[in-house]
Amino acid sequence: MRITKVTTRNGDSGKTGLARGGSVYKNDAIIHALGDIDELSSVIGVCNTACDNSSVVNELKLIQNDLFDIGGQISLNKDGANIITEASIISLDKHIDRYNSSLDPLKEFILPGGDSFSANLHVARAITRRAERTVVELYSDNLENNNVVMYLNRLSDYFFVLARFYNKNKNIIENTWQR
């Protein structure tokens, strides 16, 4: 698909078109899910600008591609959620295990923070959780073995563990919740 004109004025009435055809109001559950996925990909782009590790940047770019695929799946077929394979979920699990293996167990809740990269990873984690909630709402009749929901669930864990791993490797002390 080639986009030659960005401003079409088609959405001026509060509706927007879907890739599968037809249109919905901009407050439809599909549009909420697409917006959350888009916002998540955007904050990952912000994370990439602050990351000094090319391997991690490449991981994050692959995740952005997965998110683009998820957005396409949502826009094309609200009821189907098979664009994300089990291999994608297993890959996230492996990254989580690899990063987590060098971390101390948590004894208290940690407060989001660190440098710009790790703090934005926490923002990505929070946006992922919101995206997961909107996708769960969207697929409420099709949640069993839904790879998109499982992927987003793992992705929030990935961002949390990666932020902790990065802070540890940069000798940034985690701030813990104080009662």
C-alpha atoms as a PDB file:
ATOM      1  CA  MET A   1       0.000   0.000   0.000  1.00  0.00           C
ATOM      2  CA  ARG A   2       1.296   3.440  -0.875  1.00  0.00           C
ATOM      3  CA  ILE A   3       0.051   6.493   0.951  1.00  0.00           C
ATOM      4  CA  THR A   4       0.241   9.521  -1.298  1.00  0.00           C
ATOM      5  CA  LYS A   5      -1.991  11.812   0.726  1.00  0.00           C
ATOM      6  CA  VAL A   6      -2.067  11.881   4.520  1.00  0.00           C
ATOM      7  CA  THR A   7      -4.903  14.357   5.028  1.00  0.00           C
ATOM      8  CA  THR A   8      -8.088  12.929   3.541  1.00  0.00           C
ATOM      9  CA  ARG A   9     -10.712  14.578   5.768  1.00  0.00           C
ATOM     10  CA  ASN A  10     -12.543  11.220   5.805  1.00  0.00           C
ATOM     11  CA  GLY A  11     -12.400  11.126   9.603  1.00  0.00           C
ATOM     12  CA  ASP A  12     -13.871  14.571  10.127  1.00  0.00           C
ATOM     13  CA  SER A  13     -17.269  13.055  10.975  1.00  0.00           C
ATOM     14  CA  GLY A  14     -15.867  10.990  13.852  1.00  0.00           C
ATOM     15  CA  LYS A  15     -15.589   7.758  11.893  1.00  0.00           C
ATOM     16  CA  THR A  16     -12.588   5.989  10.439  1.00  0.00           C
ATOM     17  CA  GLY A  17     -12.168   3.249   7.867  1.00  0.00           C
ATOM     18  CA  LEU A  18     -10.862  -0.224   8.602  1.00  0.00           C
ATOM     19  CA  ALA A  19      -8.533  -2.282   6.440  1.00  0.00           C
ATOM     20  CA  ARG A  20     -11.217  -4.971   6.145  1.00  0.00           C
ATOM     21  CA  GLY A  21     -13.642  -2.389   4.761  1.00  0.00           C
ATOM     22  CA  GLY A  22     -16.388  -0.430   6.395  1.00  0.00           C
ATOM     23  CA  SER A  23     -16.012   2.225   9.007  1.00  0.00           C
ATOM     24  CA  VAL A  24     -16.480   2.567  12.745  1.00  0.00           C
ATOM     25  CA  TYR A  25     -16.670   5.450  15.170  1.00  0.00           C
ATOM     26  CA  LYS A  26     -13.318   6.530  16.521  1.00  0.00           C
ATOM     27  CA  ASN A  27     -14.364   5.488  20.026  1.00  0.00           C
ATOM     28  CA  ASP A  28     -14.978   1.868  18.918  1.00  0.00           C
ATOM     29  CA  ALA A  29     -13.128  -0.889  20.815  1.00  0.00           C
ATOM     30  CA  ILE A  30     -11.130  -1.679  17.659  1.00  0.00           C
ATOM     31  CA  ILE A  31      -9.846   1.894  17.456  1.00  0.00           C
ATOM     32  CA  HIS A  32      -8.981   1.913  21.170  1.00  0.00           C
ATOM     33  CA  ALA A  33      -6.949  -1.277  20.698  1.00  0.00           C
ATOM     34  CA  LEU A  34      -5.245   0.064  17.555  1.00  0.00           C
ATOM     35  CA  GLY A  35      -4.446   3.335  19.311  1.00  0.00           C
ATOM     36  CA  ASP A  36      -2.907   1.586  22.303  1.00  0.00           C
ATOM     37  CA  ILE A  37      -0.806  -0.648  20.043  1.00  0.00           C
ATOM     38  CA  ASP A  38       0.337   2.408  18.055  1.00  0.00           C
ATOM     39  CA  GLU A  39       1.174   4.320  21.232  1.00  0.00           C
ATOM     40  CA  LEU A  40       3.172   1.349  22.481  1.00  0.00           C
ATOM     41  CA  SER A  41       5.176   1.145  19.263  1.00  0.00           C
ATOM     42  CA  SER A  42       5.837   4.888  19.482  1.00  0.00           C
ATOM     43  CA  VAL A  43       7.198   4.710  23.027  1.00  0.00           C
ATOM     44  CA  ILE A  44       9.399   1.794  21.985  1.00  0.00           C
ATOM     45  CA  GLY A  45      10.794   4.169  19.346  1.00  0.00           C
ATOM     46  CA  VAL A  46      11.562   6.620  22.153  1.00  0.00           C
ATOM     47  CA  CYS A  47      13.277   3.814  24.081  1.00  0.00           C
ATOM     48  CA  ASN A  48      15.407   3.010  21.041  1.00  0.00           C
ATOM     49  CA  THR A  49      16.734   6.569  20.892  1.00  0.00           C
ATOM     50  CA  ALA A  50      18.046   6.217  24.453  1.00  0.00           C
ATOM     51  CA  CYS A  51      19.474   2.692  24.198  1.00  0.00           C
ATOM     52  CA  ASP A  52      23.198   2.171  23.683  1.00  0.00           C
ATOM     53  CA  ASN A  53      22.947  -1.596  23.081  1.00  0.00           C
ATOM     54  CA  SER A  54      22.407  -2.507  19.425  1.00  0.00           C
ATOM     55  CA  SER A  55      21.201  -6.036  20.274  1.00  0.00           C
ATOM     56  CA  VAL A  56      18.471  -4.645  22.506  1.00  0.00           C
ATOM     57  CA  VAL A  57      17.539  -2.050  19.866  1.00  0.00           C
ATOM     58  CA  ASN A  58      17.183  -4.882  17.349  1.00  0.00           C
ATOM     59  CA  GLU A  59      14.979  -6.837  19.789  1.00  0.00           C
ATOM     60  CA  LEU A  60      12.804  -3.779  20.255  1.00  0.00           C
ATOM     61  CA  LYS A  61      12.517  -3.236  16.497  1.00  0.00           C
ATOM     62  CA  LEU A  62      11.319  -6.827  16.098  1.00  0.00           C
ATOM     63  CA  ILE A  63       8.721  -6.146  18.782  1.00  0.00           C
ATOM     64  CA  GLN A  64       7.613  -3.027  16.884  1.00  0.00           C
ATOM     65  CA  ASN A  65       7.142  -5.196  13.795  1.00  0.00           C
ATOM     66  CA  ASP A  66       5.094  -7.675  15.831  1.00  0.00           C
ATOM     67  CA  LEU A  67       2.950  -4.793  17.085  1.00  0.00           C
ATOM     68  CA  PHE A  68       2.416  -3.581  13.526  1.00  0.00           C
ATOM     69  CA  ASP A  69       1.291  -7.115  12.619  1.00  0.00           C
ATOM     70  CA  ILE A  70      -1.072  -7.135  15.609  1.00  0.00           C
ATOM     71  CA  GLY A  71      -2.548  -3.806  14.497  1.00  0.00           C
ATOM     72  CA  GLY A  72      -3.067  -5.195  11.012  1.00  0.00           C
ATOM     73  CA  GLN A  73      -4.747  -8.298  12.411  1.00  0.00           C
ATOM     74  CA  ILE A  74      -7.091  -6.203  14.536  1.00  0.00           C
ATOM     75  CA  SER A  75      -7.938  -3.910  11.639  1.00  0.00           C
ATOM     76  CA  LEU A  76      -8.454  -6.749   9.157  1.00  0.00           C
ATOM     77  CA  ASN A  77     -10.332  -9.269  11.247  1.00  0.00           C
ATOM     78  CA  LYS A  78     -11.522  -8.406  14.717  1.00  0.00           C
ATOM     79  CA  ASP A  79     -12.334 -12.034  15.561  1.00  0.00           C
ATOM     80  CA  GLY A  80      -9.044 -13.663  14.559  1.00  0.00           C
ATOM     81  CA  ALA A  81      -5.866 -13.414  16.585  1.00  0.00           C
ATOM     82  CA  ASN A  82      -3.403 -15.772  14.905  1.00  0.00           C
ATOM     83  CA  ILE A  83      -0.865 -13.327  13.450  1.00  0.00           C
ATOM     84  CA  ILE A  84       1.395 -13.833  16.467  1.00  0.00           C
ATOM     85  CA  THR A  85       2.806 -17.332  16.566  1.00  0.00           C
ATOM     86  CA  GLU A  86       3.706 -19.421  19.558  1.00  0.00           C
ATOM     87  CA  ALA A  87       7.345 -18.951  18.472  1.00  0.00           C
ATOM     88  CA  SER A  88       7.015 -15.194  19.088  1.00  0.00           C
ATOM     89  CA  ILE A  89       5.762 -15.840  22.608  1.00  0.00           C
ATOM     90  CA  ILE A  90       8.529 -18.365  23.271  1.00  0.00           C
ATOM     91  CA  SER A  91      11.082 -15.844  22.021  1.00  0.00           C
ATOM     92  CA  LEU A  92       9.839 -13.274  24.549  1.00  0.00           C
ATOM     93  CA  ASP A  93       9.982 -15.924  27.283  1.00  0.00           C
ATOM     94  CA  LYS A  94      13.613 -16.668  26.401  1.00  0.00           C
ATOM     95  CA  HIS A  95      14.548 -12.983  26.507  1.00  0.00           C
ATOM     96  CA  ILE A  96      12.807 -12.597  29.867  1.00  0.00           C
ATOM     97  CA  ASP A  97      14.607 -15.646  31.285  1.00  0.00           C
ATOM     98  CA  ARG A  98      17.976 -14.468  29.957  1.00  0.00           C
ATOM     99  CA  TYR A  99      17.656 -10.988  31.462  1.00  0.00           C
ATOM    100  CA  ASN A 100      16.095 -12.210  34.684  1.00  0.00           C
ATOM    101  CA  SER A 101      18.776 -14.848  35.327  1.00  0.00           C
ATOM    102  CA  SER A 102      21.278 -12.231  36.539  1.00  0.00           C
ATOM    103  CA  LEU A 103      18.823 -10.256  38.685  1.00  0.00           C
ATOM    104  CA  ASP A 104      18.293 -10.541  42.396  1.00  0.00           C
ATOM    105  CA  PRO A 105      14.805 -11.646  43.444  1.00  0.00           C
ATOM    106  CA  LEU A 106      12.478  -8.780  44.284  1.00  0.00           C
ATOM    107  CA  LYS A 107      11.838  -8.264  47.979  1.00  0.00           C
ATOM    108  CA  GLU A 108       9.806  -5.073  47.571  1.00  0.00           C
ATOM    109  CA  PHE A 109       7.949  -3.393  44.759  1.00  0.00           C
ATOM    110  CA  ILE A 110      10.214  -1.146  42.736  1.00  0.00           C
ATOM    111  CA  LEU A 111       9.310   2.316  41.553  1.00  0.00           C
ATOM    112  CA  PRO A 112       9.704   3.001  37.837  1.00  0.00           C
ATOM    113  CA  GLY A 113      12.857   4.933  37.104  1.00  0.00           C
ATOM    114  CA  GLY A 114      16.477   4.799  36.175  1.00  0.00           C
ATOM    115  CA  ASP A 115      17.907   6.633  33.212  1.00  0.00           C
ATOM    116  CA  SER A 116      15.903   7.729  30.164  1.00  0.00           C
ATOM    117  CA  PHE A 117      15.977   4.271  28.564  1.00  0.00           C
ATOM    118  CA  SER A 118      14.859   2.249  31.559  1.00  0.00           C
ATOM    119  CA  ALA A 119      12.294   4.831  32.695  1.00  0.00           C
ATOM    120  CA  ASN A 120      10.725   4.730  29.235  1.00  0.00           C
ATOM    121  CA  LEU A 121      10.725   0.928  29.366  1.00  0.00           C
ATOM    122  CA  HIS A 122       8.484   1.287  32.414  1.00  0.00           C
ATOM    123  CA  VAL A 123       6.227   3.601  30.387  1.00  0.00           C
ATOM    124  CA  ALA A 124       6.172   0.935  27.658  1.00  0.00           C
ATOM    125  CA  ARG A 125       5.248  -1.654  30.297  1.00  0.00           C
ATOM    126  CA  ALA A 126       2.307   0.448  31.503  1.00  0.00           C
ATOM    127  CA  ILE A 127       1.091   1.106  27.953  1.00  0.00           C
ATOM    128  CA  THR A 128       1.415  -2.624  27.197  1.00  0.00           C
ATOM    129  CA  ARG A 129      -0.839  -3.412  30.135  1.00  0.00           C
ATOM    130  CA  ARG A 130      -3.419  -0.933  28.842  1.00  0.00           C
ATOM    131  CA  ALA A 131      -3.160  -2.381  25.335  1.00  0.00           C
ATOM    132  CA  GLU A 132      -3.657  -5.838  26.801  1.00  0.00           C
ATOM    133  CA  ARG A 133      -6.823  -4.671  28.584  1.00  0.00           C
ATOM    134  CA  THR A 134      -8.255  -3.156  25.407  1.00  0.00           C
ATOM    135  CA  VAL A 135      -7.396  -6.246  23.358  1.00  0.00           C
ATOM    136  CA  VAL A 136      -8.980  -8.490  26.020  1.00  0.00           C
ATOM    137  CA  GLU A 137     -12.116  -6.367  25.764  1.00  0.00           C
ATOM    138  CA  LEU A 138     -12.021  -6.596  21.975  1.00  0.00           C
ATOM    139  CA  TYR A 139     -11.527 -10.377  21.952  1.00  0.00           C
ATOM    140  CA  SER A 140     -13.706 -11.116  24.994  1.00  0.00           C
ATOM    141  CA  ASP A 141     -15.467 -13.936  23.106  1.00  0.00           C
ATOM    142  CA  ASN A 142     -12.174 -15.442  21.894  1.00  0.00           C
ATOM    143  CA  LEU A 143      -9.695 -15.396  24.786  1.00  0.00           C
ATOM    144  CA  GLU A 144      -8.735 -19.045  25.119  1.00  0.00           C
ATOM    145  CA  ASN A 145      -5.283 -19.593  23.582  1.00  0.00           C
ATOM    146  CA  ASN A 146      -5.359 -16.096  22.088  1.00  0.00           C
ATOM    147  CA  ASN A 147      -1.753 -15.486  21.022  1.00  0.00           C
ATOM    148  CA  VAL A 148      -2.150 -11.703  20.829  1.00  0.00           C
ATOM    149  CA  VAL A 149      -3.302 -11.549  24.457  1.00  0.00           C
ATOM    150  CA  MET A 150      -0.545 -13.955  25.549  1.00  0.00           C
ATOM    151  CA  TYR A 151       2.083 -11.951  23.634  1.00  0.00           C
ATOM    152  CA  LEU A 152       1.022  -8.671  25.235  1.00  0.00           C
ATOM    153  CA  ASN A 153       0.987 -10.303  28.668  1.00  0.00           C
ATOM    154  CA  ARG A 154       4.594 -11.497  28.179  1.00  0.00           C
ATOM    155  CA  LEU A 155       5.616  -8.184  26.655  1.00  0.00           C
ATOM    156  CA  SER A 156       4.819  -6.240  29.827  1.00  0.00           C
ATOM    157  CA  ASP A 157       6.998  -8.704  31.769  1.00  0.00           C
ATOM    158  CA  TYR A 158       9.746  -8.291  29.162  1.00  0.00           C
ATOM    159  CA  PHE A 159       9.817  -4.510  29.596  1.00  0.00           C
ATOM    160  CA  PHE A 160       9.873  -4.813  33.392  1.00  0.00           C
ATOM    161  CA  VAL A 161      12.740  -7.317  33.439  1.00  0.00           C
ATOM    162  CA  LEU A 162      14.690  -5.460  30.744  1.00  0.00           C
ATOM    163  CA  ALA A 163      14.424  -2.204  32.733  1.00  0.00           C
ATOM    164  CA  ARG A 164      15.740  -3.954  35.842  1.00  0.00           C
ATOM    165  CA  PHE A 165      18.517  -5.664  33.864  1.00  0.00           C
ATOM    166  CA  TYR A 166      19.572  -2.434  32.194  1.00  0.00           C
ATOM    167  CA  ASN A 167      19.582  -0.516  35.499  1.00  0.00           C
ATOM    168  CA  LYS A 168      21.685  -3.218  37.142  1.00  0.00           C
ATOM    169  CA  ASN A 169      24.229  -3.202  34.294  1.00  0.00           C
ATOM    170  CA  LYS A 170      24.458   0.599  34.484  1.00  0.00           C
ATOM    171  CA  ASN A 171      24.837   0.462  38.285  1.00  0.00           C
ATOM    172  CA  ILE A 172      21.591   2.370  38.739  1.00  0.00           C
ATOM    173  CA  ILE A 173      20.084   1.527  42.108  1.00  0.00           C
ATOM    174  CA  GLU A 174      16.428   0.511  42.046  1.00  0.00           C
ATOM    175  CA  ASN A 175      14.137   2.675  44.119  1.00  0.00           C
ATOM    176  CA  THR A 176      11.853   0.513  46.190  1.00  0.00           C
ATOM    177  CA  TRP A 177       8.421   1.294  47.499  1.00  0.00           C
ATOM    178  CA  GLN A 178       8.599   2.601  51.046  1.00  0.00           C
ATOM    179  CA  ARG A 179       5.747   1.984  53.456  1.00  0.00           C
END
